């Protein structure tokens, strides 16, 4: 009987030991599996975080590059526009209008009088360019004959007048002597050019004392110049 109880006791102890060992192994295995899952999760989280960071960095870089590129493009366009605008307007003196100048007439020092000299003075408060030649109407402005210019009197450079500056034009009014086509003129109209086009508005010029005898068929005008030049203004 004692031997049987001893055997049973040993058997129970052995079973208990096996159970304890099994629980230990299970516990160890469970810890390893849990740690593996946590490590995988941590790695996944870490990789996701790295991916998100890289994506954010790439996005920020792309946005910065796009913004920088936009700024550069905008600056270039603005500069080009400014340069074009400066070339079109600010870089060129505006043409004088009939409101900008005062025109007077004087007889040339000759007998009989064949020429008059027109003097245009800039009365505005800014510089302006006096283009071409005076458009003269010796009579009714809508029906008077056009007075042609003399090409050799055209100046080489534009005539730019500062405030108060004068310019001159020599005008032949007749071939001298008495002619049946001569008419006495006490005042006449002068128009100006803007570039190659006549401007609106005219200046009424008072003739020298006693009036002038004009033969429209013989009349010619010189271009505006900043000084009367011998030869080029003699016609």
Foldseek 3Di string as FASTA:
>chain_A
DVVVVVVVVVVVVVVVVVVVVVVVVVVVVVVVVVVVVVVVVVVVVVVVVVVVVVVVVVVVVVVVVVVVVVVVVVVVVVVVVVVVVCVVPVVDFFADFPVQWDKEWDFDPDPPTFKIKIKIAGQDQAKHWFDWAWFKFQDDPVPGDTAAADVLLDDPDIHIHHHGAMWMKMKGFDPHDDDPQWDFGQKIWIWTDGHPHTDPDIHIYGAPPPGDTGRRVPMHMYIIGSDDDPPSRDD
